[in-house]
Amino acid sequence: MSKLSVKTLEKVINEYNKYRSPEVTTKLISLNQKSLKMRFSGPFYHTCGFYDYFDDFKILLEEQGLETEILGIKEKDDGAIVIFAIKQ
């Protein structure tokens, strides 16, 4: 398992947005050694697979060698704020 670099995270965000926008886009809010906080926005929050979008992002992180766990999801009017714990 590798540590999360900003370059790796940018790669994951770009890939995620490339295939899921405009339905949903994600943006980094904050990052530290233990977690990352992402904002997911777009009309996807009206769909029945709302939480699947966060799992998709988690899978992309895993493909880059980073294991994470979703710690919390705060639903917003246009999406959600999701906190991912970085497993050491």
C-alpha atoms as a PDB file:
ATOM      1  CA  MET A   1       0.000   0.000   0.000  1.00  0.00           C
ATOM      2  CA  SER A   2       1.368   3.395  -0.915  1.00  0.00           C
ATOM      3  CA  LYS A   3       0.861   6.738   0.740  1.00  0.00           C
ATOM      4  CA  LEU A   4      -1.375   9.235  -0.959  1.00  0.00           C
ATOM      5  CA  SER A   5       0.448  11.871  -2.966  1.00  0.00           C
ATOM      6  CA  VAL A   6      -1.200  14.984  -4.340  1.00  0.00           C
ATOM      7  CA  LYS A   7      -0.216  13.864  -7.840  1.00  0.00           C
ATOM      8  CA  THR A   8      -1.938  10.491  -7.374  1.00  0.00           C
ATOM      9  CA  LEU A   9      -5.034  12.145  -5.940  1.00  0.00           C
ATOM     10  CA  GLU A  10      -5.204  14.581  -8.871  1.00  0.00           C
ATOM     11  CA  LYS A  11      -4.983  11.619 -11.255  1.00  0.00           C
ATOM     12  CA  VAL A  12      -7.868   9.853  -9.490  1.00  0.00           C
ATOM     13  CA  ILE A  13     -10.005  13.016  -9.407  1.00  0.00           C
ATOM     14  CA  ASN A  14      -9.390  13.692 -13.114  1.00  0.00           C
ATOM     15  CA  GLU A  15     -10.245  10.112 -14.079  1.00  0.00           C
ATOM     16  CA  TYR A  16     -13.355  10.126 -11.904  1.00  0.00           C
ATOM     17  CA  ASN A  17     -14.617  13.416 -13.342  1.00  0.00           C
ATOM     18  CA  LYS A  18     -13.741  12.407 -16.914  1.00  0.00           C
ATOM     19  CA  TYR A  19     -16.174   9.492 -16.860  1.00  0.00           C
ATOM     20  CA  ARG A  20     -18.862  10.739 -14.487  1.00  0.00           C
ATOM     21  CA  SER A  21     -19.275  14.434 -15.293  1.00  0.00           C
ATOM     22  CA  PRO A  22     -21.697  16.162 -15.702  1.00  0.00           C
ATOM     23  CA  GLU A  23     -23.777  13.677 -13.682  1.00  0.00           C
ATOM     24  CA  VAL A  24     -21.356  14.075 -10.777  1.00  0.00           C
ATOM     25  CA  THR A  25     -18.037  15.815 -10.247  1.00  0.00           C
ATOM     26  CA  THR A  26     -15.731  15.656  -7.272  1.00  0.00           C
ATOM     27  CA  LYS A  27     -13.347  18.175  -5.789  1.00  0.00           C
ATOM     28  CA  LEU A  28     -10.820  17.979  -2.968  1.00  0.00           C
ATOM     29  CA  ILE A  29     -11.746  19.960   0.131  1.00  0.00           C
ATOM     30  CA  SER A  30      -8.912  18.870   2.424  1.00  0.00           C
ATOM     31  CA  LEU A  31      -6.191  16.264   2.785  1.00  0.00           C
ATOM     32  CA  ASN A  32      -3.980  15.115   5.643  1.00  0.00           C
ATOM     33  CA  GLN A  33      -2.100  11.937   6.598  1.00  0.00           C
ATOM     34  CA  LYS A  34      -5.219  10.260   8.008  1.00  0.00           C
ATOM     35  CA  SER A  35      -8.076  11.354   5.756  1.00  0.00           C
ATOM     36  CA  LEU A  36      -9.313  13.213   2.750  1.00  0.00           C
ATOM     37  CA  LYS A  37     -12.511  15.193   2.429  1.00  0.00           C
ATOM     38  CA  MET A  38     -14.191  15.370  -0.971  1.00  0.00           C
ATOM     39  CA  ARG A  39     -17.170  17.316  -2.303  1.00  0.00           C
ATOM     40  CA  PHE A  40     -19.365  15.459  -4.785  1.00  0.00           C
ATOM     41  CA  SER A  41     -21.855  17.626  -6.657  1.00  0.00           C
ATOM     42  CA  GLY A  42     -24.244  17.413  -9.584  1.00  0.00           C
ATOM     43  CA  PRO A  43     -27.701  16.027 -10.338  1.00  0.00           C
ATOM     44  CA  PHE A  44     -26.626  12.497  -9.288  1.00  0.00           C
ATOM     45  CA  TYR A  45     -28.051  13.091  -5.800  1.00  0.00           C
ATOM     46  CA  HIS A  46     -31.520  12.478  -7.228  1.00  0.00           C
ATOM     47  CA  THR A  47     -30.617   8.943  -8.333  1.00  0.00           C
ATOM     48  CA  CYS A  48     -31.181   5.696  -6.482  1.00  0.00           C
ATOM     49  CA  GLY A  49     -27.449   4.860  -6.687  1.00  0.00           C
ATOM     50  CA  PHE A  50     -26.434   7.944  -4.672  1.00  0.00           C
ATOM     51  CA  TYR A  51     -23.905   6.141  -2.458  1.00  0.00           C
ATOM     52  CA  ASP A  52     -22.457   4.098  -5.343  1.00  0.00           C
ATOM     53  CA  TYR A  53     -20.708   7.227  -6.621  1.00  0.00           C
ATOM     54  CA  PHE A  54     -18.631   7.402  -3.437  1.00  0.00           C
ATOM     55  CA  ASP A  55     -17.746   3.716  -3.653  1.00  0.00           C
ATOM     56  CA  ASP A  56     -16.616   4.280  -7.246  1.00  0.00           C
ATOM     57  CA  PHE A  57     -14.163   6.927  -6.046  1.00  0.00           C
ATOM     58  CA  LYS A  58     -12.929   4.566  -3.324  1.00  0.00           C
ATOM     59  CA  ILE A  59     -12.316   1.869  -5.949  1.00  0.00           C
ATOM     60  CA  LEU A  60     -10.271   4.283  -8.073  1.00  0.00           C
ATOM     61  CA  LEU A  61      -8.138   5.059  -5.008  1.00  0.00           C
ATOM     62  CA  GLU A  62      -7.634   1.331  -4.426  1.00  0.00           C
ATOM     63  CA  GLU A  63      -6.504   0.897  -8.025  1.00  0.00           C
ATOM     64  CA  GLN A  64      -3.732   3.378  -7.206  1.00  0.00           C
ATOM     65  CA  GLY A  65      -2.718   1.304  -4.167  1.00  0.00           C
ATOM     66  CA  LEU A  66      -4.488   3.383  -1.534  1.00  0.00           C
ATOM     67  CA  GLU A  67      -6.891   1.641   0.815  1.00  0.00           C
ATOM     68  CA  THR A  68      -9.579   3.872   2.267  1.00  0.00           C
ATOM     69  CA  GLU A  69     -12.750   3.601   4.260  1.00  0.00           C
ATOM     70  CA  ILE A  70     -15.713   5.952   4.097  1.00  0.00           C
ATOM     71  CA  LEU A  71     -15.989   7.588   7.519  1.00  0.00           C
ATOM     72  CA  GLY A  72     -18.861   9.912   6.918  1.00  0.00           C
ATOM     73  CA  ILE A  73     -21.251  11.300   4.350  1.00  0.00           C
ATOM     74  CA  LYS A  74     -22.966  14.638   4.827  1.00  0.00           C
ATOM     75  CA  GLU A  75     -25.735  15.134   2.302  1.00  0.00           C
ATOM     76  CA  LYS A  76     -26.025  18.611   0.776  1.00  0.00           C
ATOM     77  CA  ASP A  77     -28.632  20.248  -1.459  1.00  0.00           C
ATOM     78  CA  ASP A  78     -26.581  19.484  -4.577  1.00  0.00           C
ATOM     79  CA  GLY A  79     -24.605  16.389  -3.517  1.00  0.00           C
ATOM     80  CA  ALA A  80     -22.490  15.425  -0.532  1.00  0.00           C
ATOM     81  CA  ILE A  81     -19.309  15.925   1.457  1.00  0.00           C
ATOM     82  CA  VAL A  82     -17.554  12.580   1.989  1.00  0.00           C
ATOM     83  CA  ILE A  83     -14.706  11.847   4.376  1.00  0.00           C
ATOM     84  CA  PHE A  84     -12.419   8.943   3.495  1.00  0.00           C
ATOM     85  CA  ALA A  85     -10.094   7.523   6.157  1.00  0.00           C
ATOM     86  CA  ILE A  86      -6.695   6.538   4.785  1.00  0.00           C
ATOM     87  CA  LYS A  87      -5.759   3.097   6.063  1.00  0.00           C
ATOM     88  CA  GLN A  88      -2.141   2.848   7.203  1.00  0.00           C
END
